Amino acid sequence: MTIAVVQFGGSNCDRDAVRALDRIGVDAERVWHEDGLPADTEGVVLPGGFSYGDYLRAGAMAAHSPIMDEV
């Protein structure tokens, strides 16, 4: 099973999500939001995002990212 952890500008905890999945034996990889999902993706994790602060609305910006069509 391969899980894609989507990394957006402003994402937070994407590395932690990959590490946690690895600890339970799940193959996970970080994927940049403009690159699309790998062909073998069986699941997706969308980590939170506050590294730019709430005032930039990281979630609202992520909603308009190209990868969200695939999700």
N, C-alpha and C. Protein backbone atom coordinates (compact mmCIF):
# COMPACT_ATOMS: atom_id res chain seq x y z
N MET A 1 0.85 -1.17 0.00
CA MET A 1 0.00 0.00 0.00
C MET A 1 0.90 1.23 0.00
N THR A 2 0.64 2.19 -0.87
CA THR A 2 1.37 3.44 -0.90
C THR A 2 0.43 4.58 -0.57
N ILE A 3 0.84 5.38 0.39
CA ILE A 3 0.05 6.53 0.81
C ILE A 3 0.81 7.79 0.39
N ALA A 4 0.13 8.71 -0.27
CA ALA A 4 0.72 9.98 -0.66
C ALA A 4 0.39 11.02 0.41
N VAL A 5 1.42 11.64 0.95
CA VAL A 5 1.24 12.73 1.90
C VAL A 5 1.48 14.01 1.11
N VAL A 6 0.42 14.75 0.85
CA VAL A 6 0.50 15.90 -0.04
C VAL A 6 1.12 17.09 0.70
N GLN A 7 2.13 17.67 0.09
CA GLN A 7 2.82 18.82 0.66
C GLN A 7 2.45 20.07 -0.12
N PHE A 8 1.86 21.02 0.59
CA PHE A 8 1.50 22.31 0.02
C PHE A 8 2.46 23.37 0.56
N GLY A 9 2.51 24.52 -0.09
CA GLY A 9 3.19 25.64 0.53
C GLY A 9 2.40 26.01 1.77
N GLY A 10 3.02 26.01 2.90
CA GLY A 10 2.31 26.28 4.15
C GLY A 10 1.91 25.02 4.89
N SER A 11 2.22 23.84 4.36
CA SER A 11 1.91 22.60 5.07
C SER A 11 2.70 22.51 6.36
N ASN A 12 2.15 21.79 7.29
CA ASN A 12 2.80 21.55 8.56
C ASN A 12 2.58 20.09 8.91
N CYS A 13 3.58 19.44 9.39
CA CYS A 13 3.52 18.05 9.87
C CYS A 13 3.50 17.02 8.75
N ASP A 14 3.84 17.38 7.52
CA ASP A 14 3.88 16.38 6.45
C ASP A 14 4.98 15.36 6.71
N ARG A 15 6.13 15.80 7.21
CA ARG A 15 7.21 14.85 7.53
C ARG A 15 6.81 13.95 8.69
N ASP A 16 6.12 14.51 9.66
CA ASP A 16 5.64 13.72 10.80
C ASP A 16 4.65 12.65 10.34
N ALA A 17 3.80 12.99 9.39
CA ALA A 17 2.82 12.02 8.89
C ALA A 17 3.52 10.85 8.19
N VAL A 18 4.53 11.16 7.38
CA VAL A 18 5.29 10.09 6.71
C VAL A 18 5.98 9.21 7.74
N ARG A 19 6.58 9.81 8.75
CA ARG A 19 7.28 9.06 9.78
C ARG A 19 6.31 8.17 10.56
N ALA A 20 5.13 8.69 10.90
CA ALA A 20 4.14 7.91 11.65
C ALA A 20 3.64 6.72 10.83
N LEU A 21 3.37 6.94 9.55
CA LEU A 21 2.93 5.84 8.69
C LEU A 21 4.02 4.79 8.54
N ASP A 22 5.26 5.23 8.42
CA ASP A 22 6.38 4.30 8.32
C ASP A 22 6.49 3.43 9.57
N ARG A 23 6.26 4.02 10.72
CA ARG A 23 6.35 3.26 11.98
C ARG A 23 5.31 2.16 12.10
N ILE A 24 4.20 2.30 11.41
CA ILE A 24 3.19 1.23 11.45
C ILE A 24 3.26 0.34 10.22
N GLY A 25 4.35 0.49 9.45
CA GLY A 25 4.58 -0.40 8.32
C GLY A 25 3.90 -0.02 7.02
N VAL A 26 3.49 1.22 6.89
CA VAL A 26 2.82 1.67 5.68
C VAL A 26 3.81 2.48 4.84
N ASP A 27 3.92 2.14 3.56
CA ASP A 27 4.79 2.87 2.65
C ASP A 27 4.15 4.22 2.34
N ALA A 28 4.86 5.30 2.67
CA ALA A 28 4.32 6.64 2.43
C ALA A 28 5.40 7.52 1.82
N GLU A 29 4.96 8.47 1.01
CA GLU A 29 5.90 9.42 0.43
C GLU A 29 5.26 10.79 0.34
N ARG A 30 6.09 11.82 0.51
CA ARG A 30 5.60 13.18 0.35
C ARG A 30 5.51 13.50 -1.14
N VAL A 31 4.45 14.19 -1.50
CA VAL A 31 4.19 14.55 -2.89
C VAL A 31 3.90 16.03 -2.95
N TRP A 32 4.62 16.78 -3.79
CA TRP A 32 4.38 18.21 -3.96
C TRP A 32 3.05 18.41 -4.67
N HIS A 33 2.26 19.34 -4.22
CA HIS A 33 0.89 19.53 -4.71
C HIS A 33 0.79 19.84 -6.20
N GLU A 34 1.85 20.32 -6.82
CA GLU A 34 1.80 20.63 -8.25
C GLU A 34 2.23 19.45 -9.11
N ASP A 35 2.73 18.37 -8.50
CA ASP A 35 3.27 17.25 -9.26
C ASP A 35 2.27 16.13 -9.52
N GLY A 36 1.17 16.09 -8.84
CA GLY A 36 0.18 15.04 -9.03
C GLY A 36 0.48 13.81 -8.18
N LEU A 37 -0.47 12.91 -8.13
CA LEU A 37 -0.33 11.69 -7.34
C LEU A 37 0.41 10.61 -8.12
N PRO A 38 1.27 9.84 -7.46
CA PRO A 38 1.92 8.71 -8.12
C PRO A 38 0.87 7.68 -8.56
N ALA A 39 1.18 6.93 -9.59
CA ALA A 39 0.22 5.95 -10.15
C ALA A 39 -0.20 4.89 -9.14
N ASP A 40 0.69 4.52 -8.22
CA ASP A 40 0.39 3.43 -7.28
C ASP A 40 -0.23 3.91 -5.97
N THR A 41 -0.74 5.13 -5.92
CA THR A 41 -1.31 5.69 -4.70
C THR A 41 -2.61 4.98 -4.34
N GLU A 42 -2.67 4.54 -3.08
CA GLU A 42 -3.88 3.88 -2.58
C GLU A 42 -4.59 4.68 -1.51
N GLY A 43 -3.94 5.73 -1.06
CA GLY A 43 -4.53 6.60 -0.04
C GLY A 43 -3.82 7.93 -0.04
N VAL A 44 -4.46 8.92 0.57
CA VAL A 44 -3.92 10.28 0.59
C VAL A 44 -4.07 10.85 2.00
N VAL A 45 -3.02 11.54 2.45
CA VAL A 45 -3.07 12.28 3.71
C VAL A 45 -2.88 13.76 3.37
N LEU A 46 -3.77 14.59 3.87
CA LEU A 46 -3.67 16.04 3.69
C LEU A 46 -3.37 16.65 5.06
N PRO A 47 -2.08 16.90 5.35
CA PRO A 47 -1.74 17.45 6.66
C PRO A 47 -2.21 18.90 6.80
N GLY A 48 -2.28 19.35 8.03
CA GLY A 48 -2.68 20.73 8.30
C GLY A 48 -1.64 21.73 7.82
N GLY A 49 -1.97 22.99 7.89
CA GLY A 49 -1.02 23.99 7.43
C GLY A 49 -1.16 25.33 8.10
N PHE A 50 -0.19 25.64 8.93
CA PHE A 50 -0.19 26.94 9.58
C PHE A 50 1.18 27.59 9.56
N SER A 51 2.10 27.07 8.75
CA SER A 51 3.44 27.64 8.78
C SER A 51 3.48 29.06 8.23
N TYR A 52 2.50 29.45 7.44
CA TYR A 52 2.42 30.82 6.94
C TYR A 52 1.51 31.67 7.81
N GLY A 53 0.88 31.08 8.77
CA GLY A 53 -0.06 31.79 9.62
C GLY A 53 -1.48 31.70 9.08
N ASP A 54 -2.44 31.84 9.96
CA ASP A 54 -3.85 31.75 9.56
C ASP A 54 -4.24 32.83 8.56
N TYR A 55 -3.58 33.96 8.59
CA TYR A 55 -4.00 35.08 7.75
C TYR A 55 -3.83 34.82 6.26
N LEU A 56 -3.02 33.81 5.88
CA LEU A 56 -2.88 33.49 4.46
C LEU A 56 -3.83 32.38 4.01
N ARG A 57 -4.55 31.79 4.94
CA ARG A 57 -5.56 30.77 4.64
C ARG A 57 -4.99 29.64 3.78
N ALA A 58 -4.01 28.92 4.34
CA ALA A 58 -3.34 27.84 3.61
C ALA A 58 -4.33 26.81 3.07
N GLY A 59 -5.36 26.48 3.83
CA GLY A 59 -6.36 25.51 3.37
C GLY A 59 -7.15 26.01 2.17
N ALA A 60 -7.48 27.28 2.18
CA ALA A 60 -8.23 27.85 1.06
C ALA A 60 -7.37 27.86 -0.20
N MET A 61 -6.09 28.15 -0.05
CA MET A 61 -5.19 28.13 -1.21
C MET A 61 -5.01 26.70 -1.72
N ALA A 62 -4.88 25.74 -0.81
CA ALA A 62 -4.70 24.34 -1.19
C ALA A 62 -5.91 23.80 -1.94
N ALA A 63 -7.09 24.29 -1.62
CA ALA A 63 -8.31 23.81 -2.28
C ALA A 63 -8.30 24.07 -3.78
N HIS A 64 -7.52 25.04 -4.21
CA HIS A 64 -7.45 25.39 -5.63
C HIS A 64 -6.21 24.82 -6.31
N SER A 65 -5.51 23.93 -5.64
CA SER A 65 -4.30 23.31 -6.19
C SER A 65 -4.66 22.24 -7.21
N PRO A 66 -3.82 22.03 -8.23
CA PRO A 66 -4.10 21.03 -9.26
C PRO A 66 -4.29 19.61 -8.73
N ILE A 67 -3.60 19.26 -7.65
CA ILE A 67 -3.69 17.88 -7.15
C ILE A 67 -5.07 17.56 -6.57
N MET A 68 -5.81 18.57 -6.16
CA MET A 68 -7.10 18.32 -5.54
C MET A 68 -8.10 17.70 -6.51
N ASP A 69 -7.93 17.89 -7.80
CA ASP A 69 -8.77 17.21 -8.78
C ASP A 69 -8.59 15.70 -8.71
N GLU A 70 -7.36 15.26 -8.42
CA GLU A 70 -7.06 13.83 -8.31
C GLU A 70 -7.52 13.26 -6.98
N VAL A 71 -7.46 14.09 -5.94
CA VAL A 71 -7.87 13.62 -4.60
C VAL A 71 -9.36 13.38 -4.61
